[in-house]
Amino acid sequence: MNVQTALEPLDRLVEQAKRVLPGGTFGNMPAEVVIRDGKGGRVWDEASREYVDFLLGSGPMFVGHGHPEVTAAVQAQAPLGTTFFGNNRHGIALAEAVCAAVPCAEQVRFVCTGTEADLYAMRAARAFRRRDKILKFEGGYHGMSDYALMSLAPKRPGNFPRPIPDSAGIPKSVQDEMLIAAFNDIAMVESLIEEQKDELAGVIVEPFQRLIPPKLGFLQALRAVTAKHGIPLIFDEVVTGFRFAYGGAQEYYGVTPDICTLGKIVGGGFALAAIAGRADIMKHFDKLAVADEDFLFQVGTLSGNPLAAVAGLATLEILKRPGAYEQVFATGRELMAALDGILKKAGIAAQVIGEPPLFDVYFTDQPIKDYRDTLKGDAAMARRFNQLLRARGIMKGETKYYVSLAHTRADIDHTIGAWTEAVKDLRA
């Protein structure tokens, strides 16, 4: 089959997508990226082109695509029923596993998406504190709710703590319920919390914000000031949960919040997310445990469904095995060091930032400690680099290399070779 023949099915699919989907996409990747299948740490597109996969479905496929144990668990459950709306033993077992693994988790409520989890976590904080305002950090991503889409990625950042909407269709009144601070600036955060403590319902933060690690002591200080005033601290661990450690970023960084949200890995590649936290906060989901005005109404047709639950349980069993995290971290460290070395050797100003399971490069000679620092990077060069890499068999999103347990020596070598060749063209 020649190249043109191989491309024809892909071209037809792209044309079809552009007819029936806004922008020709699901809203995630370019229309031209149509993935056919995946196995381990690789994927193939509809033109049969093979890629080392650092997209990993935007992170869920931490143990790799089509893992035989996860697949077997799903195949065993599917004939017995995919969803019941009522409780099922697998969902209960997954909740038990989360409570055993995650330091802050005394109780769990399942939903289907990270957006829902973050929305309900903020709502739980409001119900608990009987106050309205939430403090979040500029550049922090907490899903697609109106509240979350405040100062996620402002092109012209404004004055703290006033938020800037990131989307059309958000009521102007939402701006009055959110406060914005700079990640890693504990002096600003402490000042804002002291000033707004009587109105704050909670503080939500990605303990590792997108790609930016917390400064030494930042999370500890944030924990101290919120605890001082009895303000619930929410860790958004949709990305970091079960990725940085079995107990998530709160185990990895040694700071325990009051509430956390989980997603991606915990569902084993299926639609499942969770809110987990202290029992005295989580009881607001229980109509019999609180007064009517304190009850937090939440139902979901597919929440905790057995298909996602068995996939999640199988995934967690794999991650509990000795050496799993050591392997992921070793892979990530080797890749980060290699990319940094290739860019330095080429004389290209760049910062490779993140943690070994999750990293990327910003093309700047300036250190990156918060969202505004990321704007200093050469975005056009980053886009060009990603395009050069995709042509060389590397699949990744606009930002982030997600590292998996399934990435092999051959995957690492292919990636380093692709970086080496792409950097030559980047300099041209």
Protein backbone atom coordinates (compact mmCIF):
# COMPACT_ATOMS: atom_id res chain seq x y z
CA MET A 1 0.00 0.00 0.00
CA ASN A 2 1.50 3.36 -1.00
CA VAL A 3 1.42 6.41 1.27
CA GLN A 4 -1.41 8.10 -0.63
CA THR A 5 -3.61 5.02 -0.43
CA ALA A 6 -2.97 4.79 3.32
CA LEU A 7 -3.94 8.43 3.79
CA GLU A 8 -7.25 8.20 1.91
CA PRO A 9 -9.34 6.73 4.81
CA LEU A 10 -7.91 9.37 7.14
CA ASP A 11 -8.68 12.18 4.71
CA ARG A 12 -12.28 10.99 4.38
CA LEU A 13 -12.68 10.82 8.15
CA VAL A 14 -11.29 14.33 8.57
CA GLU A 15 -13.72 15.64 5.94
CA GLN A 16 -16.59 13.87 7.67
CA ALA A 17 -15.53 15.24 11.05
CA LYS A 18 -15.46 18.79 9.71
CA ARG A 19 -19.03 18.39 8.48
CA VAL A 20 -20.51 17.12 11.73
CA LEU A 21 -18.25 18.44 14.52
CA PRO A 22 -17.54 22.10 15.34
CA GLY A 23 -14.01 22.68 14.13
CA GLY A 24 -13.92 19.05 13.05
CA THR A 25 -12.89 17.90 16.52
CA PHE A 26 -14.07 16.69 19.93
CA GLY A 27 -12.43 19.89 21.24
CA ASN A 28 -9.20 18.20 22.23
CA MET A 29 -6.74 17.51 19.41
CA PRO A 30 -6.50 18.81 15.81
CA ALA A 31 -8.97 17.32 13.32
CA GLU A 32 -6.12 15.58 11.50
CA VAL A 33 -5.32 13.44 14.57
CA VAL A 34 -7.61 10.42 14.25
CA ILE A 35 -6.34 7.55 16.37
CA ARG A 36 -7.31 4.03 15.36
CA ASP A 37 -5.90 1.86 18.13
CA GLY A 38 -3.32 1.64 20.89
CA LYS A 39 -1.21 -1.00 22.58
CA GLY A 40 1.15 -0.50 25.48
CA GLY A 41 2.96 2.81 25.02
CA ARG A 42 2.12 3.22 21.33
CA VAL A 43 -0.82 4.28 19.14
CA TRP A 44 -1.63 4.06 15.42
CA ASP A 45 -3.66 6.56 13.43
CA GLU A 46 -6.13 5.87 10.64
CA ALA A 47 -3.31 6.10 8.10
CA SER A 48 -1.53 3.25 9.98
CA ARG A 49 1.23 5.57 11.17
CA GLU A 50 2.78 4.45 14.45
CA TYR A 51 3.62 6.77 17.34
CA VAL A 52 5.21 6.55 20.76
CA ASP A 53 2.29 7.82 22.82
CA PHE A 54 2.91 10.52 25.41
CA LEU A 55 -0.68 11.72 25.15
CA LEU A 56 -2.07 8.61 26.88
CA GLY A 57 -5.65 9.75 26.37
CA SER A 58 -4.68 12.94 28.25
CA GLY A 59 -3.30 10.85 31.06
CA PRO A 60 -5.61 7.96 32.02
CA MET A 61 -3.63 5.20 30.33
CA PHE A 62 -0.89 5.15 32.96
CA VAL A 63 -0.40 1.38 32.69
CA GLY A 64 -0.59 1.52 28.89
CA HIS A 65 -3.24 0.89 26.26
CA GLY A 66 -4.96 -2.48 26.26
CA HIS A 67 -3.28 -3.79 29.41
CA PRO A 68 -4.26 -7.49 29.53
CA GLU A 69 -5.35 -7.42 33.19
CA VAL A 70 -7.51 -4.33 32.76
CA THR A 71 -8.97 -5.73 29.54
CA ALA A 72 -9.75 -9.06 31.20
CA ALA A 73 -11.52 -7.36 34.10
CA VAL A 74 -13.69 -5.32 31.73
CA GLN A 75 -14.47 -8.32 29.51
CA ALA A 76 -15.53 -10.35 32.55
CA GLN A 77 -17.86 -7.60 33.80
CA ALA A 78 -19.41 -6.42 30.52
CA PRO A 79 -21.75 -9.44 30.04
CA LEU A 80 -22.94 -9.03 33.64
CA GLY A 81 -24.04 -5.43 33.18
CA THR A 82 -22.41 -2.11 32.42
CA THR A 83 -24.38 0.17 34.76
CA PHE A 84 -27.13 -0.17 37.35
CA PHE A 85 -27.57 3.30 38.95
CA GLY A 86 -27.72 1.50 42.29
CA ASN A 87 -24.66 0.46 44.25
CA ASN A 88 -22.47 -2.35 42.99
CA ARG A 89 -19.75 -4.32 44.77
CA HIS A 90 -17.00 -3.15 42.42
CA GLY A 91 -17.71 0.53 43.00
CA ILE A 92 -17.78 -0.07 46.75
CA ALA A 93 -14.45 -1.92 46.54
CA LEU A 94 -12.94 0.94 44.52
CA ALA A 95 -14.08 3.47 47.13
CA GLU A 96 -12.44 1.30 49.80
CA ALA A 97 -9.22 1.21 47.77
CA VAL A 98 -9.20 5.01 47.41
CA CYS A 99 -9.75 5.48 51.15
CA ALA A 100 -6.87 3.10 51.88
CA ALA A 101 -4.51 4.84 49.45
CA VAL A 102 -5.19 8.57 49.66
CA PRO A 103 -4.26 10.36 52.91
CA CYS A 104 -7.21 12.79 53.01
CA ALA A 105 -9.84 10.26 51.92
CA GLU A 106 -12.24 9.15 54.65
CA GLN A 107 -15.21 8.92 52.29
CA VAL A 108 -15.68 9.00 48.51
CA ARG A 109 -18.40 10.12 46.11
CA PHE A 110 -18.10 9.01 42.49
CA VAL A 111 -18.88 11.06 39.38
CA CYS A 112 -17.86 10.59 35.74
CA THR A 113 -15.54 13.50 34.95
CA GLY A 114 -12.90 15.66 36.55
CA THR A 115 -15.05 18.70 35.81
CA GLU A 116 -17.84 17.25 37.94
CA ALA A 117 -15.46 16.26 40.70
CA ASP A 118 -13.96 19.74 40.96
CA LEU A 119 -17.38 21.41 40.76
CA TYR A 120 -18.74 19.25 43.59
CA ALA A 121 -15.59 19.70 45.67
CA MET A 122 -16.06 23.46 45.55
CA ARG A 123 -19.76 23.04 46.30
CA ALA A 124 -18.95 20.78 49.27
CA ALA A 125 -16.63 23.45 50.66
CA ARG A 126 -19.40 26.03 50.29
CA ALA A 127 -21.91 23.76 52.01
CA PHE A 128 -19.48 23.05 54.85
CA ARG A 129 -18.43 26.67 55.42
CA ARG A 130 -21.79 28.26 54.50
CA ARG A 131 -19.86 30.82 52.52
CA ASP A 132 -19.56 31.48 48.79
CA LYS A 133 -16.11 32.55 47.63
CA ILE A 134 -13.47 30.19 46.32
CA LEU A 135 -9.80 31.08 45.88
CA LYS A 136 -8.00 29.48 42.94
CA PHE A 137 -4.66 30.06 41.27
CA GLU A 138 -4.03 31.76 37.94
CA GLY A 139 -3.29 29.11 35.34
CA GLY A 140 -4.82 26.32 37.44
CA TYR A 141 -7.13 23.96 35.56
CA HIS A 142 -10.15 22.59 37.40
CA GLY A 143 -12.41 21.43 34.61
CA MET A 144 -14.99 23.19 32.48
CA SER A 145 -17.44 24.66 35.00
CA ASP A 146 -18.13 28.40 35.08
CA TYR A 147 -16.18 28.72 38.33
CA ALA A 148 -13.19 26.76 37.05
CA LEU A 149 -12.95 28.77 33.83
CA MET A 150 -11.77 31.86 35.65
CA SER A 151 -8.19 32.90 34.89
CA LEU A 152 -7.19 29.50 33.56
CA ALA A 153 -5.27 30.99 30.65
CA PRO A 154 -5.80 34.75 30.40
CA LYS A 155 -4.00 36.20 27.40
CA ARG A 156 -3.76 39.55 29.18
CA PRO A 157 -3.56 38.78 32.89
CA GLY A 158 -5.23 41.39 35.03
CA ASN A 159 -4.78 42.52 38.59
CA PHE A 160 -4.99 40.00 41.40
CA PRO A 161 -7.36 38.90 42.86
CA ARG A 162 -9.92 39.80 40.15
CA PRO A 163 -10.64 36.85 37.83
CA ILE A 164 -10.82 36.95 34.05
CA PRO A 165 -13.35 34.64 32.29
CA ASP A 166 -11.78 32.15 29.88
CA SER A 167 -14.92 31.41 27.87
CA ALA A 168 -17.97 32.99 26.36
CA GLY A 169 -21.25 32.15 28.03
CA ILE A 170 -20.17 32.59 31.65
CA PRO A 171 -22.41 34.87 33.76
CA LYS A 172 -20.62 38.04 34.89
CA SER A 173 -21.77 37.36 38.44
CA VAL A 174 -19.42 34.37 38.66
CA GLN A 175 -16.47 36.76 38.80
CA ASP A 176 -17.69 38.00 42.15
CA GLU A 177 -17.48 34.50 43.66
CA MET A 178 -13.86 33.70 42.70
CA LEU A 179 -10.55 35.10 43.89
CA ILE A 180 -7.31 34.59 41.97
CA ALA A 181 -3.80 34.33 43.34
CA ALA A 182 -0.38 33.57 41.85
CA PHE A 183 0.83 29.99 42.25
CA ASN A 184 3.96 29.70 44.39
CA ASP A 185 3.49 33.19 45.89
CA ILE A 186 2.70 32.34 49.49
CA ALA A 187 2.93 35.96 50.67
CA MET A 188 0.12 36.92 48.27
CA VAL A 189 -1.98 33.91 49.27
CA GLU A 190 -1.58 34.47 52.99
CA SER A 191 -2.51 38.14 52.57
CA LEU A 192 -5.60 37.31 50.51
CA ILE A 193 -6.78 34.63 52.93
CA GLU A 194 -6.27 36.88 55.96
CA GLU A 195 -8.23 39.63 54.20
CA GLN A 196 -11.05 37.38 52.89
CA LYS A 197 -11.17 34.68 55.61
CA ASP A 198 -14.72 35.52 56.67
CA GLU A 199 -16.04 35.15 53.11
CA LEU A 200 -13.95 32.24 51.83
CA ALA A 201 -15.57 28.83 51.46
CA GLY A 202 -12.42 27.08 50.29
CA VAL A 203 -9.14 27.14 48.39
CA ILE A 204 -8.65 24.88 45.36
CA VAL A 205 -5.20 24.17 43.94
CA GLU A 206 -3.40 21.73 41.71
CA PRO A 207 -0.53 20.75 44.02
CA PHE A 208 1.50 20.44 40.81
CA GLN A 209 0.03 23.17 38.62
CA ARG A 210 -0.14 21.91 35.05
CA LEU A 211 3.66 21.51 34.68
CA ILE A 212 4.89 23.75 37.50
CA PRO A 213 6.13 22.08 40.69
CA PRO A 214 5.40 23.81 43.98
CA LYS A 215 8.23 25.78 45.50
CA LEU A 216 9.75 24.25 48.61
CA GLY A 217 7.39 25.05 51.48
CA PHE A 218 4.58 26.52 49.37
CA LEU A 219 2.04 23.74 49.90
CA GLN A 220 2.98 23.45 53.58
CA ALA A 221 2.38 27.17 54.10
CA LEU A 222 -0.90 27.00 52.17
CA ARG A 223 -1.99 24.11 54.37
CA ALA A 224 -1.06 26.06 57.52
CA VAL A 225 -2.93 29.26 56.67
CA THR A 226 -6.10 27.47 55.55
CA ALA A 227 -6.07 25.26 58.64
CA LYS A 228 -5.57 28.31 60.86
CA HIS A 229 -8.90 29.74 59.68
CA GLY A 230 -10.79 26.46 59.22
CA ILE A 231 -10.99 26.94 55.46
CA PRO A 232 -11.14 23.67 53.49
CA LEU A 233 -8.12 23.09 51.26
CA ILE A 234 -8.96 21.22 48.05
CA PHE A 235 -6.24 19.44 46.10
CA ASP A 236 -7.22 18.88 42.49
CA GLU A 237 -5.53 15.53 41.91
CA VAL A 238 -7.40 14.57 38.76
CA VAL A 239 -4.00 14.51 37.02
CA THR A 240 -1.63 13.70 39.89
CA GLY A 241 -3.74 11.14 41.75
CA PHE A 242 -2.05 7.70 41.61
CA ARG A 243 0.54 9.22 39.20
CA PHE A 244 3.16 10.80 41.45
CA ALA A 245 2.73 8.11 44.11
CA TYR A 246 0.09 5.56 45.05
CA GLY A 247 -1.28 8.15 47.46
CA GLY A 248 -1.03 10.91 44.88
CA ALA A 249 0.67 14.30 45.10
CA GLN A 250 -0.41 14.64 48.73
CA GLU A 251 1.73 11.63 49.55
CA TYR A 252 4.52 12.71 47.20
CA TYR A 253 4.76 16.25 48.61
CA GLY A 254 3.80 15.30 52.16
CA VAL A 255 0.83 17.68 52.55
CA THR A 256 -2.70 16.46 53.33
CA PRO A 257 -5.66 18.57 52.17
CA ASP A 258 -9.23 18.39 53.47
CA ILE A 259 -10.74 17.35 50.13
CA CYS A 260 -9.24 16.04 46.91
CA THR A 261 -10.54 15.22 43.47
CA LEU A 262 -9.44 12.20 41.45
CA GLY A 263 -9.87 11.15 37.84
CA LYS A 264 -7.99 9.77 34.84
CA ILE A 265 -5.96 6.89 36.34
CA VAL A 266 -8.55 5.91 38.97
CA GLY A 267 -11.02 4.91 36.24
CA GLY A 268 -8.53 2.78 34.30
CA GLY A 269 -9.36 4.53 31.03
CA PHE A 270 -13.12 4.67 31.61
CA ALA A 271 -15.34 7.58 32.61
CA LEU A 272 -14.93 7.73 36.37
CA ALA A 273 -13.82 10.44 38.78
CA ALA A 274 -14.25 11.06 42.47
CA ILE A 275 -14.43 13.53 45.31
CA ALA A 276 -12.72 12.27 48.46
CA GLY A 277 -12.22 13.91 51.81
CA ARG A 278 -12.89 14.31 55.47
CA ALA A 279 -16.06 12.62 56.71
CA ASP A 280 -17.41 15.81 58.31
CA ILE A 281 -17.29 17.52 54.91
CA MET A 282 -18.39 14.52 52.86
CA LYS A 283 -21.46 14.02 55.08
CA HIS A 284 -23.08 16.93 53.22
CA PHE A 285 -23.74 14.41 50.42
CA ASP A 286 -25.85 12.38 52.92
CA LYS A 287 -29.38 13.75 53.26
CA LEU A 288 -29.91 11.90 56.53
CA ALA A 289 -26.75 13.32 58.13
CA VAL A 290 -27.33 17.06 57.73
CA ALA A 291 -30.11 19.61 57.90
CA ASP A 292 -32.10 20.16 54.71
CA GLU A 293 -30.39 23.48 53.99
CA ASP A 294 -26.95 21.83 54.28
CA PHE A 295 -27.65 18.87 51.98
CA LEU A 296 -25.55 18.73 48.82
CA PHE A 297 -27.69 17.18 46.10
CA GLN A 298 -25.72 14.99 43.69
CA VAL A 299 -26.74 12.10 41.44
CA GLY A 300 -25.23 10.75 38.23
CA THR A 301 -26.55 8.11 35.85
CA LEU A 302 -23.17 6.43 35.36
CA SER A 303 -21.47 7.37 38.63
CA GLY A 304 -19.50 4.43 40.03
CA ASN A 305 -20.63 2.11 37.25
CA PRO A 306 -19.17 -1.40 37.51
CA LEU A 307 -17.35 -1.34 34.16
CA ALA A 308 -15.27 1.69 35.11
CA ALA A 309 -14.88 0.41 38.67
CA VAL A 310 -13.35 -2.93 37.63
CA ALA A 311 -11.00 -1.14 35.23
CA GLY A 312 -9.95 1.18 38.04
CA LEU A 313 -9.47 -1.67 40.51
CA ALA A 314 -7.34 -3.63 38.04
CA THR A 315 -5.22 -0.56 37.35
CA LEU A 316 -4.64 0.09 41.06
CA GLU A 317 -3.64 -3.52 41.61
CA ILE A 318 -0.96 -3.15 38.93
CA LEU A 319 0.32 0.08 40.48
CA LYS A 320 0.57 -1.45 43.97
CA ARG A 321 3.21 -3.90 42.79
CA PRO A 322 6.81 -3.32 43.88
CA GLY A 323 8.82 -1.31 41.40
CA ALA A 324 5.92 0.21 39.42
CA TYR A 325 6.54 3.83 40.41
CA GLU A 326 10.31 3.37 40.41
CA GLN A 327 10.07 2.31 36.77
CA VAL A 328 7.93 5.27 35.72
CA PHE A 329 10.21 7.71 37.52
CA ALA A 330 13.33 6.17 36.00
CA THR A 331 11.83 6.49 32.52
CA GLY A 332 10.80 10.08 33.13
CA ARG A 333 14.13 11.12 34.62
CA GLU A 334 16.03 9.66 31.66
CA LEU A 335 13.76 11.42 29.17
CA MET A 336 13.92 14.79 30.97
CA ALA A 337 17.70 14.65 31.19
CA ALA A 338 18.02 13.65 27.54
CA LEU A 339 15.75 16.45 26.29
CA ASP A 340 17.53 19.02 28.43
CA GLY A 341 20.91 17.85 27.15
CA ILE A 342 19.87 17.89 23.48
CA LEU A 343 18.52 21.45 23.75
CA LYS A 344 21.58 22.70 25.63
CA LYS A 345 23.94 21.11 23.10
CA ALA A 346 22.01 22.86 20.31
CA GLY A 347 22.28 26.19 22.12
CA ILE A 348 18.51 26.63 22.33
CA ALA A 349 17.22 28.57 25.34
CA ALA A 350 14.76 26.24 27.05
CA GLN A 351 13.48 25.04 30.41
CA VAL A 352 12.51 21.37 30.83
CA ILE A 353 10.14 21.46 33.78
CA GLY A 354 7.82 19.13 35.66
CA GLU A 355 8.21 15.86 37.51
CA PRO A 356 9.39 12.58 35.91
CA PRO A 357 5.85 11.21 35.28
CA LEU A 358 4.75 14.50 33.67
CA PHE A 359 6.95 17.15 32.03
CA ASP A 360 7.51 19.35 28.99
CA VAL A 361 9.74 22.11 27.65
CA TYR A 362 9.24 25.88 27.54
CA PHE A 363 11.42 27.77 25.10
CA THR A 364 12.73 30.53 27.35
CA ASP A 365 15.89 31.26 29.31
CA GLN A 366 13.81 32.45 32.28
CA PRO A 367 12.84 30.24 35.24
CA ILE A 368 9.16 29.29 35.48
CA LYS A 369 7.44 29.50 38.84
CA ASP A 370 3.88 30.53 37.89
CA TYR A 371 1.45 30.98 34.98
CA ARG A 372 2.76 34.40 33.93
CA ASP A 373 6.24 32.97 33.56
CA THR A 374 4.90 30.44 31.04
CA LEU A 375 3.83 33.33 28.80
CA LYS A 376 7.50 34.25 28.39
CA GLY A 377 8.09 31.07 26.39
CA ASP A 378 8.27 31.07 22.60
CA ALA A 379 4.86 29.53 21.82
CA ALA A 380 5.50 29.42 18.06
CA MET A 381 8.70 27.44 18.59
CA ALA A 382 6.85 25.03 20.91
CA ARG A 383 4.18 24.44 18.26
CA ARG A 384 6.82 23.91 15.59
CA PHE A 385 8.67 21.43 17.81
CA ASN A 386 5.49 19.45 18.44
CA GLN A 387 4.77 19.35 14.69
CA LEU A 388 8.29 18.12 13.94
CA LEU A 389 7.94 15.44 16.58
CA ARG A 390 4.59 14.19 15.32
CA ALA A 391 6.15 13.78 11.87
CA ARG A 392 8.78 11.63 13.58
CA GLY A 393 6.35 9.35 15.37
CA ILE A 394 5.82 11.12 18.71
CA MET A 395 2.23 11.68 19.85
CA LYS A 396 1.70 14.33 22.51
CA GLY A 397 -0.63 17.18 23.31
CA GLU A 398 0.11 20.87 23.01
CA THR A 399 1.76 20.60 26.41
CA LYS A 400 2.82 17.63 28.55
CA TYR A 401 4.65 14.38 28.07
CA TYR A 402 2.68 11.82 30.06
CA VAL A 403 5.01 8.93 30.97
CA SER A 404 3.52 5.46 31.44
CA LEU A 405 4.45 2.15 32.99
CA ALA A 406 4.21 0.69 29.47
CA HIS A 407 6.92 2.82 27.86
CA THR A 408 9.80 0.54 26.88
CA ARG A 409 13.50 0.89 26.15
CA ALA A 410 12.62 1.03 22.46
CA ASP A 411 10.13 3.84 23.13
CA ILE A 412 12.73 5.83 25.04
CA ASP A 413 15.35 5.36 22.31
CA HIS A 414 12.90 6.31 19.56
CA THR A 415 11.91 9.45 21.46
CA ILE A 416 15.48 10.59 22.06
CA GLY A 417 16.26 10.00 18.39
CA ALA A 418 13.18 12.01 17.36
CA TRP A 419 14.17 14.88 19.65
CA THR A 420 17.70 14.90 18.25
CA GLU A 421 16.49 15.12 14.64
CA ALA A 422 13.68 17.59 15.38
CA VAL A 423 16.03 19.97 17.17
CA LYS A 424 18.25 20.09 14.07
CA ASP A 425 15.27 21.27 12.01
CA LEU A 426 14.17 23.62 14.80
CA ARG A 427 17.45 25.48 14.52
CA ALA A 428 17.25 25.72 10.73
